[in-house]
Amino acid sequence: MQKVKIRRSGATIMANLILLLGSLAYIMIFAVINGSLGFICAMGVTVFGSIGVAKALGETISMSYGLIIGLTIGCGVLRGALRYFEQYFNHYIAFRLLAVLRDKIFGALRILCPAKLESKQKGSIIAMITSDIETLEVFYAHTISPICIAVVVSTFVFIFVGIVSSWYLALVALLGFIVIGIIIPLISSGKLKESGVVYRREFASFSAYFLDSIKGIKDIVLNNAGEKRETEVNRRSELLLSETKKMKKNIAKATALTELCISIFIFIALVVGIILVDNGMLSIGKMVIGVVTVFGSFGPVVAISALPGNLTQTFASGDRVLDLLDEEPAVRPVENGKDFAFETLKVENLSFSYDDKTQILSDINMYANKGEIVGIIGKSGCGKSTLLKLLLRFWEKDSGKILYNGTDIDNINSDNLLDNVTMVSQSTYLFDDTIENNIKIAKPNATQEEIETACKMASVHDFIMTLSDGYKTSVGSLGDNLSAGEKQRIGLARAFLSGSKLILLDEPTSNVDSINEGIILKALKEQKNNRSIILVSHRESTMSIADRIYSIKDGKIKECD
């Protein structure tokens, strides 16, 4: 059985999440103050009632019955207002921080992209920025504040009961607070920890699998694989249900134990009070005030005792988010380097390995100048696509040089590099939007004339104009309304619109028929004069337009005659 990777400790996760409060910390302080005063006011209703009873029993109390009744009513009304402000501040912080966290995650994904994201399931990432982030709302809105409130209120009750009634009763209350608010949560948290990690991991995996099933529904139907897919979805659902049942069972046990302990400590407080009165150490009136105060003081610590059930998933979600935020990127952006305007590319003695064990590329030497098409041919898996990624600095080279206009790629500003070099992959991704907006991704402020010019360069303008809505035509989810060849030509139009002077094409004709291949190659040949194109393919027919061809085999490159 695969061993479950246990997450960080709860304390570590809490500390890291609290640090994210930053300038919002003062609002959390307001929430704690309002919450603490609110609980004290809630207790005040019964405490002032017990004071009235104590006065009736002959206890010397300076307050009149009218004042006692007024304070009791006042505490009830004030409790409502304070509770409102406590919840307002808590949720204000929670939703502000959820927005901040999503921004941080997208920022981390941007830095990790694309190298580190190639190995991550897209459904898992979607689960993180939706479900996991929303789960953290429980922590900020319903965890930090209750813990602080429990500490403040418990301290107040301990001192109040000790001074007004008896320190023996105060010690009973303190022991109850420790057992219910610390010991029981620690025990239940330990039991729930592993199941929470498993649940969040399986939930992310299920999301990824289900998303893949939706994306591939057409192929599932065509290959009559629906029943098998359904069986797997049901299996994963049952696994999630099983983990949920485990957590619910442990939560129920913890809740029952908490209720039992409350009853026990209330009974102990009552017995101690009676013993103190029987031994003349405490008057009946003060005993009533002390015992009633202890009776009504367990609310805040009960809230803490109930936290592990929610915190199990909250901590698992927080751990996954922190893992992503802490993950080191394969490369870091260059921000204080040099800028260039592409004229030449020269690769010298380039070597690369993904894991420092298996060599992918060894001593690669090649060059490309503006105004020419350079072809790179080789079998699948020989390192062609890896070479293109290195030319964009998606990965950091192990050794050798990649020189743009004589400047090594590691010394060129990343934004400037992407302004000069772009890549069209073998599978162009289209968003569920119009053709126009899909093309404008390359240049958001592009004019209609610029868009049409780019499409004419890519030999896709005439096709677009045959559509009923022209450039306003929706491509559909995943671009399903277009053929593979049409998608590739739109991807090519993006590259032309970007204005990049070096275009890297990774198997641009691998998914298209011979007619579309001819159209794409013709478009490339017509546009080579003012830019350089590096064309990667395993098809020899694609190399017909190349001015110079390199062959890659077993990580080695050589120029073809």
Protein backbone atom coordinates (compact mmCIF):
# COMPACT_ATOMS: atom_id res chain seq x y z
CA MET A 1 0.00 0.00 0.00
CA GLN A 2 1.34 3.42 -0.95
CA LYS A 3 2.39 5.45 2.04
CA VAL A 4 0.51 8.74 2.41
CA LYS A 5 2.72 11.80 2.47
CA ILE A 6 1.85 13.54 5.75
CA ARG A 7 1.48 17.27 5.51
CA ARG A 8 3.18 19.98 7.56
CA SER A 9 2.14 20.24 11.20
CA GLY A 10 -1.05 22.18 11.90
CA ALA A 11 0.91 24.79 13.85
CA THR A 12 3.28 25.38 10.91
CA ILE A 13 0.41 25.75 8.45
CA MET A 14 -1.44 28.11 10.80
CA ALA A 15 1.66 30.24 11.30
CA ASN A 16 2.22 30.54 7.53
CA LEU A 17 -1.42 31.36 6.86
CA ILE A 18 -1.48 33.96 9.65
CA LEU A 19 1.59 35.65 8.17
CA LEU A 20 -0.48 36.28 5.04
CA LEU A 21 -2.71 38.63 7.09
CA GLY A 22 -0.13 41.39 6.77
CA SER A 23 -1.79 44.81 6.96
CA LEU A 24 -5.18 43.18 7.67
CA ALA A 25 -4.01 42.08 11.15
CA TYR A 26 -5.63 45.10 12.85
CA ILE A 27 -9.03 44.05 11.49
CA MET A 28 -8.52 40.60 13.00
CA ILE A 29 -7.77 42.29 16.33
CA PHE A 30 -11.09 44.16 16.08
CA ALA A 31 -12.84 40.85 15.36
CA VAL A 32 -11.27 39.22 18.43
CA ILE A 33 -12.19 42.18 20.66
CA ASN A 34 -15.80 42.16 19.45
CA GLY A 35 -16.02 38.38 19.72
CA SER A 36 -14.58 38.30 23.24
CA LEU A 37 -16.86 41.07 24.46
CA GLY A 38 -19.75 39.34 22.71
CA PHE A 39 -19.20 36.07 24.57
CA ILE A 40 -18.76 37.93 27.85
CA CYS A 41 -22.05 39.72 27.20
CA ALA A 42 -23.71 36.38 26.40
CA MET A 43 -22.44 35.02 29.70
CA GLY A 44 -23.52 38.28 31.35
CA VAL A 45 -27.18 37.40 30.75
CA THR A 46 -26.97 34.30 32.97
CA VAL A 47 -24.34 35.76 35.34
CA PHE A 48 -26.47 38.83 36.14
CA GLY A 49 -29.43 36.47 36.53
CA SER A 50 -27.41 34.46 39.08
CA ILE A 51 -26.46 37.71 40.83
CA GLY A 52 -30.17 38.46 41.17
CA VAL A 53 -30.75 34.98 42.62
CA ALA A 54 -27.79 35.46 45.01
CA LYS A 55 -29.26 38.80 46.16
CA ALA A 56 -32.60 37.08 46.78
CA LEU A 57 -30.77 34.44 48.84
CA GLY A 58 -29.41 37.18 51.11
CA GLU A 59 -26.05 37.86 49.53
CA THR A 60 -24.89 41.43 50.08
CA ILE A 61 -24.98 42.97 46.60
CA SER A 62 -25.03 46.74 46.13
CA MET A 63 -26.88 46.63 42.80
CA SER A 64 -30.66 47.05 42.78
CA TYR A 65 -32.94 44.51 41.13
CA GLY A 66 -33.81 47.10 38.49
CA LEU A 67 -30.15 47.63 37.63
CA ILE A 68 -29.55 43.87 37.50
CA ILE A 69 -32.51 43.40 35.13
CA GLY A 70 -31.34 46.34 33.01
CA LEU A 71 -27.80 44.97 32.76
CA THR A 72 -29.16 41.53 31.84
CA ILE A 73 -31.23 42.97 28.99
CA GLY A 74 -28.37 45.25 27.94
CA CYS A 75 -25.96 42.31 27.71
CA GLY A 76 -28.41 40.44 25.48
CA VAL A 77 -28.83 43.38 23.10
CA LEU A 78 -25.11 44.20 23.05
CA ARG A 79 -24.28 40.56 22.37
CA GLY A 80 -26.17 40.72 19.08
CA ALA A 81 -24.39 43.88 17.91
CA LEU A 82 -20.95 42.61 18.92
CA ARG A 83 -21.58 39.26 17.22
CA TYR A 84 -22.50 41.07 14.01
CA PHE A 85 -19.30 43.11 13.97
CA GLU A 86 -17.20 40.06 14.86
CA GLN A 87 -18.59 38.11 11.90
CA TYR A 88 -18.34 41.15 9.63
CA PHE A 89 -14.64 41.65 10.38
CA ASN A 90 -13.87 37.93 10.11
CA HIS A 91 -15.53 37.53 6.73
CA TYR A 92 -14.11 40.80 5.44
CA ILE A 93 -10.63 39.46 6.15
CA ALA A 94 -11.49 36.03 4.77
CA PHE A 95 -12.76 37.23 1.40
CA ARG A 96 -10.01 39.84 1.02
CA LEU A 97 -7.38 37.20 1.71
CA LEU A 98 -9.00 34.67 -0.62
CA ALA A 99 -8.58 37.22 -3.41
CA VAL A 100 -4.97 37.79 -2.31
CA LEU A 101 -4.30 34.03 -2.23
CA ARG A 102 -5.72 33.50 -5.71
CA ASP A 103 -3.53 36.33 -6.94
CA LYS A 104 -0.50 34.74 -5.27
CA ILE A 105 -1.32 31.33 -6.79
CA PHE A 106 -1.68 32.77 -10.27
CA GLY A 107 1.58 34.61 -9.71
CA ALA A 108 3.26 31.35 -8.65
CA LEU A 109 1.79 29.51 -11.64
CA ARG A 110 3.10 32.23 -13.94
CA ILE A 111 6.62 31.76 -12.54
CA LEU A 112 6.40 27.95 -12.62
CA CYS A 113 4.95 27.98 -16.15
CA PRO A 114 5.52 26.22 -18.38
CA ALA A 115 8.31 23.91 -17.22
CA LYS A 116 7.01 22.85 -13.80
CA LEU A 117 3.37 22.81 -14.92
CA GLU A 118 3.94 20.17 -17.60
CA SER A 119 3.92 17.49 -14.88
CA LYS A 120 0.88 18.84 -13.01
CA GLN A 121 -2.68 17.75 -13.68
CA LYS A 122 -4.80 20.65 -14.86
CA GLY A 123 -7.81 19.41 -12.87
CA SER A 124 -5.69 19.42 -9.71
CA ILE A 125 -4.71 23.04 -10.30
CA ILE A 126 -8.35 23.99 -10.91
CA ALA A 127 -9.31 22.25 -7.65
CA MET A 128 -6.62 24.26 -5.86
CA ILE A 129 -7.73 27.69 -7.08
CA THR A 130 -11.40 26.90 -6.44
CA SER A 131 -12.09 24.29 -3.76
CA ASP A 132 -8.85 24.54 -1.77
CA ILE A 133 -8.91 28.33 -1.64
CA GLU A 134 -12.57 28.36 -0.63
CA THR A 135 -11.81 25.82 2.11
CA LEU A 136 -9.29 28.28 3.59
CA GLU A 137 -12.20 30.68 4.18
CA VAL A 138 -13.01 28.46 7.18
CA PHE A 139 -9.59 29.19 8.65
CA TYR A 140 -9.72 32.97 8.32
CA ALA A 141 -13.40 33.43 9.16
CA HIS A 142 -13.97 30.66 11.70
CA THR A 143 -10.63 29.58 13.18
CA ILE A 144 -8.19 32.36 14.11
CA SER A 145 -10.78 34.51 15.83
CA PRO A 146 -12.44 31.67 17.83
CA ILE A 147 -9.06 30.51 19.17
CA CYS A 148 -8.13 34.02 20.31
CA ILE A 149 -11.61 34.57 21.75
CA ALA A 150 -11.41 31.29 23.68
CA VAL A 151 -8.10 32.34 25.25
CA VAL A 152 -9.40 35.81 26.21
CA VAL A 153 -12.78 34.61 27.55
CA SER A 154 -11.29 31.64 29.44
CA THR A 155 -8.75 33.93 31.12
CA PHE A 156 -11.52 36.38 32.04
CA VAL A 157 -13.71 33.61 33.48
CA PHE A 158 -10.82 32.15 35.49
CA ILE A 159 -10.04 35.53 37.07
CA PHE A 160 -13.72 36.52 37.55
CA VAL A 161 -14.73 33.24 39.23
CA GLY A 162 -11.59 33.28 41.39
CA ILE A 163 -12.20 36.81 42.67
CA VAL A 164 -16.02 36.85 42.92
CA SER A 165 -16.61 33.23 43.97
CA SER A 166 -13.77 30.76 44.67
CA TRP A 167 -10.36 29.94 43.23
CA TYR A 168 -11.24 26.25 43.61
CA LEU A 169 -14.12 26.68 41.18
CA ALA A 170 -11.80 28.76 38.97
CA LEU A 171 -9.30 25.87 38.86
CA VAL A 172 -12.08 23.43 37.91
CA ALA A 173 -13.05 25.76 35.04
CA LEU A 174 -9.40 26.11 33.96
CA LEU A 175 -8.93 22.32 33.93
CA GLY A 176 -12.09 22.01 31.82
CA PHE A 177 -10.83 24.66 29.39
CA ILE A 178 -7.52 22.82 28.97
CA VAL A 179 -9.13 19.40 28.42
CA ILE A 180 -11.90 20.59 26.09
CA GLY A 181 -10.01 23.35 24.29
CA ILE A 182 -6.54 21.78 23.98
CA ILE A 183 -6.30 18.06 24.75
CA ILE A 184 -9.40 16.85 22.88
CA PRO A 185 -8.65 18.95 19.73
CA LEU A 186 -5.06 17.64 19.68
CA ILE A 187 -6.23 14.02 19.95
CA SER A 188 -8.96 14.35 17.31
CA SER A 189 -6.67 16.34 14.99
CA GLY A 190 -4.10 13.55 15.08
CA LYS A 191 -6.73 10.97 14.14
CA LEU A 192 -8.18 13.11 11.35
CA LYS A 193 -4.87 14.29 9.89
CA GLU A 194 -4.14 11.41 7.51
CA SER A 195 -7.71 11.01 6.28
CA GLY A 196 -7.86 14.74 5.52
CA VAL A 197 -4.70 14.55 3.43
CA VAL A 198 -6.01 11.51 1.55
CA TYR A 199 -9.38 13.18 0.94
CA ARG A 200 -7.91 16.39 -0.50
CA ARG A 201 -5.46 14.41 -2.66
CA GLU A 202 -8.17 12.13 -4.01
CA PHE A 203 -10.53 15.05 -4.52
CA ALA A 204 -7.92 16.82 -6.68
CA SER A 205 -7.24 13.59 -8.58
CA PHE A 206 -10.97 13.03 -9.14
CA SER A 207 -11.36 16.61 -10.42
CA ALA A 208 -8.51 16.08 -12.90
CA TYR A 209 -9.94 12.73 -14.07
CA PHE A 210 -13.46 14.13 -14.43
CA LEU A 211 -12.18 17.17 -16.35
CA ASP A 212 -10.28 14.87 -18.72
CA SER A 213 -13.45 12.81 -19.19
CA ILE A 214 -15.41 15.91 -20.19
CA LYS A 215 -12.68 17.07 -22.57
CA GLY A 216 -12.43 13.66 -24.18
CA ILE A 217 -16.14 12.81 -24.25
CA LYS A 218 -16.15 12.58 -28.05
CA ASP A 219 -13.31 10.04 -28.12
CA ILE A 220 -14.83 8.12 -25.22
CA VAL A 221 -18.07 7.71 -27.18
CA LEU A 222 -16.33 6.87 -30.47
CA ASN A 223 -14.25 4.17 -28.78
CA ASN A 224 -17.21 2.82 -26.79
CA ALA A 225 -15.26 3.41 -23.56
CA GLY A 226 -18.13 5.06 -21.70
CA GLU A 227 -18.89 2.10 -19.45
CA LYS A 228 -15.25 1.68 -18.42
CA ARG A 229 -14.92 5.40 -17.75
CA GLU A 230 -18.12 5.40 -15.73
CA THR A 231 -16.85 2.49 -13.64
CA GLU A 232 -13.66 4.39 -12.84
CA VAL A 233 -15.60 7.57 -11.97
CA ASN A 234 -17.82 5.53 -9.63
CA ARG A 235 -14.77 3.88 -8.05
CA ARG A 236 -13.18 7.24 -7.34
CA SER A 237 -16.48 8.58 -6.00
CA GLU A 238 -16.76 5.61 -3.63
CA LEU A 239 -13.20 6.25 -2.44
CA LEU A 240 -14.07 9.88 -1.66
CA LEU A 241 -17.24 8.74 0.11
CA SER A 242 -15.24 6.24 2.17
CA GLU A 243 -12.78 8.92 3.30
CA THR A 244 -15.68 11.24 4.12
CA LYS A 245 -17.29 8.56 6.28
CA LYS A 246 -14.01 8.04 8.13
CA MET A 247 -13.75 11.75 8.89
CA LYS A 248 -17.42 12.04 9.91
CA LYS A 249 -17.05 9.05 12.24
CA ASN A 250 -14.00 10.53 13.96
CA ILE A 251 -15.68 13.94 14.15
CA ALA A 252 -18.75 12.35 15.77
CA LYS A 253 -16.53 10.62 18.35
CA ALA A 254 -14.73 13.88 19.14
CA THR A 255 -18.06 15.72 19.49
CA ALA A 256 -19.46 13.06 21.81
CA LEU A 257 -16.27 13.16 23.91
CA THR A 258 -16.51 16.95 24.13
CA GLU A 259 -20.14 16.85 25.28
CA LEU A 260 -19.28 14.19 27.85
CA CYS A 261 -16.38 16.23 29.23
CA ILE A 262 -18.55 19.35 29.48
CA SER A 263 -21.12 17.41 31.48
CA ILE A 264 -18.39 15.98 33.70
CA PHE A 265 -16.80 19.36 34.45
CA ILE A 266 -20.18 20.98 35.08
CA PHE A 267 -20.93 18.16 37.53
CA ILE A 268 -17.49 18.56 39.16
CA ALA A 269 -18.01 22.34 39.47
CA LEU A 270 -21.41 21.76 41.11
CA VAL A 271 -19.98 19.16 43.52
CA VAL A 272 -17.03 21.38 44.44
CA GLY A 273 -19.40 24.31 45.01
CA ILE A 274 -21.62 22.23 47.30
CA ILE A 275 -18.56 20.96 49.24
CA LEU A 276 -17.27 24.51 49.67
CA VAL A 277 -20.66 25.68 50.96
CA ASP A 278 -20.96 22.63 53.24
CA ASN A 279 -17.55 23.39 54.74
CA GLY A 280 -18.36 27.06 55.25
CA MET A 281 -15.76 28.20 52.75
CA LEU A 282 -18.28 29.78 50.42
CA SER A 283 -21.73 31.33 50.73
CA ILE A 284 -24.62 29.92 48.76
CA GLY A 285 -25.02 33.16 46.79
CA LYS A 286 -21.37 33.27 45.69
CA MET A 287 -21.50 29.55 44.93
CA VAL A 288 -24.47 30.15 42.61
CA ILE A 289 -22.65 33.01 40.84
CA GLY A 290 -19.45 30.95 40.42
CA VAL A 291 -21.14 27.74 39.28
CA VAL A 292 -23.46 29.53 36.83
CA THR A 293 -20.48 31.41 35.38
CA VAL A 294 -18.58 28.13 34.89
CA PHE A 295 -21.69 26.53 33.36
CA GLY A 296 -21.92 29.22 30.70
CA SER A 297 -18.21 29.56 29.99
CA PHE A 298 -17.57 26.51 27.79
CA GLY A 299 -18.95 28.02 24.56
CA PRO A 300 -15.63 29.42 23.25
CA VAL A 301 -13.63 26.26 24.03
CA VAL A 302 -16.36 24.07 22.53
CA ALA A 303 -15.88 26.09 19.33
CA ILE A 304 -12.18 25.16 19.44
CA SER A 305 -12.98 21.52 20.15
CA ALA A 306 -15.15 21.43 17.02
CA LEU A 307 -12.41 22.91 14.84
CA PRO A 308 -10.41 19.74 13.97
CA GLY A 309 -13.27 18.38 11.85
CA ASN A 310 -13.09 21.42 9.58
CA LEU A 311 -9.40 22.08 10.07
CA THR A 312 -8.44 18.63 8.80
CA GLN A 313 -9.41 19.60 5.27
CA THR A 314 -8.47 23.24 5.82
CA PHE A 315 -4.92 22.27 6.77
CA ALA A 316 -4.69 19.79 3.89
CA SER A 317 -5.82 22.55 1.50
CA GLY A 318 -3.48 25.06 3.12
CA ASP A 319 -0.60 22.62 2.84
CA ARG A 320 -1.22 22.12 -0.89
CA VAL A 321 -1.41 25.88 -1.46
CA LEU A 322 1.76 26.49 0.56
CA ASP A 323 3.53 23.71 -1.38
CA LEU A 324 2.74 25.51 -4.62
CA LEU A 325 3.78 28.93 -3.25
CA ASP A 326 7.04 27.44 -1.92
CA GLU A 327 7.87 25.46 -5.07
CA GLU A 328 11.00 26.61 -6.79
CA PRO A 329 10.64 27.38 -10.52
CA ALA A 330 12.81 25.62 -13.08
CA VAL A 331 14.03 29.06 -14.17
CA ARG A 332 13.67 32.54 -12.72
CA PRO A 333 12.82 35.51 -14.95
CA VAL A 334 15.70 37.78 -15.95
CA GLU A 335 14.71 41.36 -15.12
CA ASN A 336 17.95 43.34 -15.05
CA GLY A 337 19.56 41.94 -18.16
CA LYS A 338 19.90 43.18 -21.73
CA ASP A 339 17.35 43.84 -24.47
CA PHE A 340 17.83 42.93 -28.13
CA ALA A 341 16.14 43.08 -31.52
CA PHE A 342 16.55 39.70 -33.22
CA GLU A 343 19.01 39.35 -36.05
CA THR A 344 20.85 36.09 -35.39
CA LEU A 345 20.67 32.97 -33.24
CA LYS A 346 23.70 30.83 -32.52
CA VAL A 347 23.75 27.70 -30.35
CA GLU A 348 27.15 26.47 -29.17
CA ASN A 349 27.90 23.16 -27.40
CA LEU A 350 24.45 23.05 -25.79
CA SER A 351 23.73 20.13 -23.43
CA PHE A 352 20.66 19.43 -21.32
CA SER A 353 19.12 16.80 -19.02
CA TYR A 354 15.84 16.96 -17.15
CA ASP A 355 17.03 14.88 -14.18
CA ASP A 356 20.84 15.11 -14.34
CA LYS A 357 20.87 11.43 -15.29
CA THR A 358 19.43 10.91 -18.77
CA GLN A 359 21.06 13.16 -21.33
CA ILE A 360 18.50 14.63 -23.74
CA LEU A 361 20.75 16.90 -25.79
CA SER A 362 24.54 16.80 -26.13
CA ASP A 363 26.90 19.36 -27.73
CA ILE A 364 24.23 20.95 -29.94
CA ASN A 365 25.59 23.46 -32.46
CA MET A 366 23.37 25.35 -34.92
CA TYR A 367 22.53 28.85 -36.11
CA ALA A 368 19.69 30.80 -37.71
CA ASN A 369 19.64 34.23 -39.34
CA LYS A 370 16.80 36.60 -40.09
CA GLY A 371 15.25 35.89 -43.48
CA GLU A 372 15.66 32.13 -43.53
CA ILE A 373 13.77 28.99 -42.60
CA VAL A 374 15.78 26.44 -40.62
CA GLY A 375 14.44 22.91 -40.47
CA ILE A 376 15.07 20.43 -37.64
CA ILE A 377 14.07 16.85 -38.38
CA GLY A 378 14.14 13.76 -36.22
CA LYS A 379 12.06 10.97 -34.75
CA SER A 380 9.64 11.54 -31.89
CA GLY A 381 11.42 11.75 -28.54
CA CYS A 382 14.81 12.71 -29.96
CA GLY A 383 14.85 16.13 -28.23
CA LYS A 384 13.48 18.45 -30.93
CA SER A 385 10.75 20.00 -28.75
CA THR A 386 13.16 20.24 -25.82
CA LEU A 387 15.54 22.29 -27.95
CA LEU A 388 12.78 24.78 -28.78
CA LYS A 389 11.88 25.11 -25.08
CA LEU A 390 15.52 25.86 -24.29
CA LEU A 391 15.54 28.55 -26.99
CA LEU A 392 12.69 30.22 -25.06
CA ARG A 393 14.42 29.55 -21.71
CA PHE A 394 11.51 27.45 -20.42
CA TRP A 395 14.26 25.28 -18.92
CA GLU A 396 17.77 26.29 -17.95
CA LYS A 397 20.53 24.76 -20.05
CA ASP A 398 23.12 22.59 -18.31
CA SER A 399 26.05 23.82 -20.38
CA GLY A 400 26.89 25.61 -23.61
CA LYS A 401 25.55 28.85 -25.02
CA ILE A 402 22.37 30.13 -26.66
CA LEU A 403 23.32 33.46 -28.21
CA TYR A 404 20.88 36.02 -29.56
CA ASN A 405 22.79 38.73 -31.42
CA GLY A 406 25.83 37.50 -29.52
CA THR A 407 24.24 37.82 -26.05
CA ASP A 408 23.68 34.66 -24.00
CA ILE A 409 20.03 33.89 -23.26
CA ASP A 410 20.68 33.91 -19.49
CA ASN A 411 21.56 37.62 -19.73
CA ILE A 412 18.52 38.69 -21.76
CA ASN A 413 15.43 40.14 -20.06
CA SER A 414 12.69 37.49 -20.13
CA ASP A 415 9.95 39.86 -21.35
CA ASN A 416 12.20 41.10 -24.15
CA LEU A 417 13.04 37.50 -25.13
CA LEU A 418 9.34 36.67 -25.49
CA ASP A 419 8.79 39.86 -27.51
CA ASN A 420 11.37 38.62 -30.03
CA VAL A 421 10.73 34.86 -29.96
CA THR A 422 7.42 33.01 -30.00
CA MET A 423 6.42 29.39 -30.48
CA VAL A 424 3.51 27.64 -32.14
CA SER A 425 3.08 24.16 -30.69
CA GLN A 426 1.69 21.15 -32.52
CA SER A 427 -1.58 21.52 -30.63
CA THR A 428 -2.87 25.10 -30.64
CA TYR A 429 -5.11 25.82 -27.64
CA LEU A 430 -8.16 27.94 -28.36
CA PHE A 431 -10.30 29.50 -25.65
CA ASP A 432 -14.08 29.30 -25.71
CA ASP A 433 -14.35 32.74 -27.27
CA THR A 434 -14.50 34.40 -30.68
CA ILE A 435 -11.83 33.88 -33.32
CA GLU A 436 -10.91 37.56 -33.03
CA ASN A 437 -10.33 37.41 -29.27
CA ASN A 438 -8.37 34.17 -29.61
CA ILE A 439 -6.00 35.82 -32.06
CA LYS A 440 -5.74 39.04 -30.01
CA ILE A 441 -4.12 37.09 -27.18
CA ALA A 442 -0.85 37.76 -28.99
CA LYS A 443 -1.54 41.52 -29.03
CA PRO A 444 -4.56 42.65 -26.94
CA ASN A 445 -4.60 46.18 -28.40
CA ALA A 446 -4.40 45.05 -32.02
CA THR A 447 -6.61 46.79 -34.55
CA GLN A 448 -8.97 44.90 -36.83
CA GLU A 449 -6.69 45.70 -39.75
CA GLU A 450 -3.68 44.20 -37.93
CA ILE A 451 -5.67 41.06 -37.10
CA GLU A 452 -6.79 40.60 -40.68
CA THR A 453 -3.27 41.19 -41.98
CA ALA A 454 -1.91 38.50 -39.64
CA CYS A 455 -4.64 36.10 -40.74
CA LYS A 456 -3.87 36.76 -44.40
CA MET A 457 -0.21 35.96 -43.67
CA ALA A 458 -1.36 32.68 -42.12
CA SER A 459 -3.70 31.95 -45.05
CA VAL A 460 -6.72 31.73 -42.75
CA HIS A 461 -8.47 35.04 -43.50
CA ASP A 462 -10.47 33.71 -46.48
CA PHE A 463 -11.72 30.79 -44.41
CA ILE A 464 -12.80 33.07 -41.56
CA MET A 465 -14.74 35.27 -43.95
CA THR A 466 -16.79 32.27 -45.12
CA LEU A 467 -18.18 31.89 -41.59
CA SER A 468 -21.54 33.48 -40.84
CA ASP A 469 -20.14 35.74 -38.10
CA GLY A 470 -16.66 36.14 -39.54
CA TYR A 471 -14.12 37.09 -36.89
CA LYS A 472 -16.91 37.18 -34.28
CA THR A 473 -17.53 33.44 -34.72
CA SER A 474 -17.18 31.46 -31.50
CA VAL A 475 -14.66 28.63 -31.70
CA GLY A 476 -16.53 26.60 -29.06
CA SER A 477 -15.13 24.76 -26.08
CA LEU A 478 -11.55 23.63 -26.82
CA GLY A 479 -12.00 24.97 -30.35
CA ASP A 480 -14.28 22.08 -31.30
CA ASN A 481 -15.97 24.14 -34.04
CA LEU A 482 -12.72 24.22 -36.04
CA SER A 483 -10.59 21.55 -37.68
CA ALA A 484 -7.01 20.81 -36.63
CA GLY A 485 -5.65 22.64 -39.68
CA GLU A 486 -7.78 25.71 -38.99
CA LYS A 487 -6.61 25.78 -35.40
CA GLN A 488 -2.98 25.59 -36.49
CA ARG A 489 -3.41 28.46 -38.92
CA ILE A 490 -5.02 30.58 -36.19
CA GLY A 491 -2.03 29.72 -33.98
CA LEU A 492 0.22 30.87 -36.82
CA ALA A 493 -1.79 34.09 -37.14
CA ARG A 494 -1.16 34.71 -33.46
CA ALA A 495 2.58 34.36 -34.05
CA PHE A 496 2.50 36.79 -36.98
CA LEU A 497 0.37 39.28 -35.01
CA SER A 498 2.82 39.25 -32.10
CA GLY A 499 5.46 40.72 -34.39
CA SER A 500 8.13 38.28 -33.18
CA LYS A 501 11.10 38.11 -35.51
CA LEU A 502 11.90 34.50 -34.62
CA ILE A 503 9.07 31.96 -34.80
CA LEU A 504 9.56 28.44 -33.48
CA LEU A 505 7.19 25.89 -34.99
CA ASP A 506 6.87 22.57 -33.19
CA GLU A 507 5.36 19.97 -35.55
CA PRO A 508 2.93 22.51 -37.08
CA THR A 509 1.63 20.05 -39.68
CA SER A 510 1.62 16.81 -37.67
CA ASN A 511 -2.14 16.88 -37.05
CA VAL A 512 -3.28 18.14 -40.46
CA ASP A 513 -3.88 16.62 -43.88
CA SER A 514 -1.70 17.23 -46.94
CA ILE A 515 -3.90 20.09 -48.20
CA ASN A 516 -3.67 22.03 -44.92
CA GLU A 517 0.03 21.21 -44.71
CA GLY A 518 0.54 22.79 -48.13
CA ILE A 519 -1.41 25.90 -47.09
CA ILE A 520 0.61 26.31 -43.88
CA LEU A 521 3.99 25.74 -45.59
CA LYS A 522 3.09 28.20 -48.35
CA ALA A 523 2.19 30.82 -45.75
CA LEU A 524 5.49 30.26 -43.91
CA LYS A 525 7.58 30.54 -47.08
CA GLU A 526 5.89 33.81 -48.03
CA GLN A 527 6.63 35.38 -44.64
CA LYS A 528 10.28 34.42 -44.16
CA ASN A 529 11.81 37.59 -45.63
CA ASN A 530 11.57 39.80 -42.54
CA ARG A 531 11.83 37.13 -39.85
CA SER A 532 13.48 33.78 -39.08
CA ILE A 533 11.53 30.55 -38.76
CA ILE A 534 12.76 27.36 -37.09
CA LEU A 535 10.60 24.50 -38.29
CA VAL A 536 10.62 21.26 -36.28
CA SER A 537 9.06 18.11 -37.73
CA HIS A 538 9.47 14.38 -38.15
CA ARG A 539 8.05 14.65 -41.70
CA GLU A 540 10.53 15.04 -44.55
CA SER A 541 7.82 16.68 -46.70
CA THR A 542 7.64 19.55 -44.21
CA MET A 543 11.33 20.28 -44.75
CA SER A 544 10.78 21.17 -48.42
CA ILE A 545 10.62 24.90 -47.63
CA ALA A 546 13.72 24.94 -45.38
CA ASP A 547 16.85 26.82 -46.44
CA ARG A 548 18.96 24.69 -44.14
CA ILE A 549 18.15 21.42 -42.37
CA TYR A 550 19.51 19.88 -39.18
CA SER A 551 18.95 16.29 -38.12
CA ILE A 552 18.72 15.22 -34.46
CA LYS A 553 19.37 11.65 -33.42
CA ASP A 554 20.08 10.34 -29.90
CA GLY A 555 20.50 13.89 -28.62
CA LYS A 556 23.12 14.77 -31.23
CA ILE A 557 22.65 17.21 -34.11
CA LYS A 558 24.23 17.46 -37.52
CA GLU A 559 23.62 19.64 -40.54
CA CYS A 560 22.23 17.80 -43.53
CA ASP A 561 23.85 18.13 -46.94
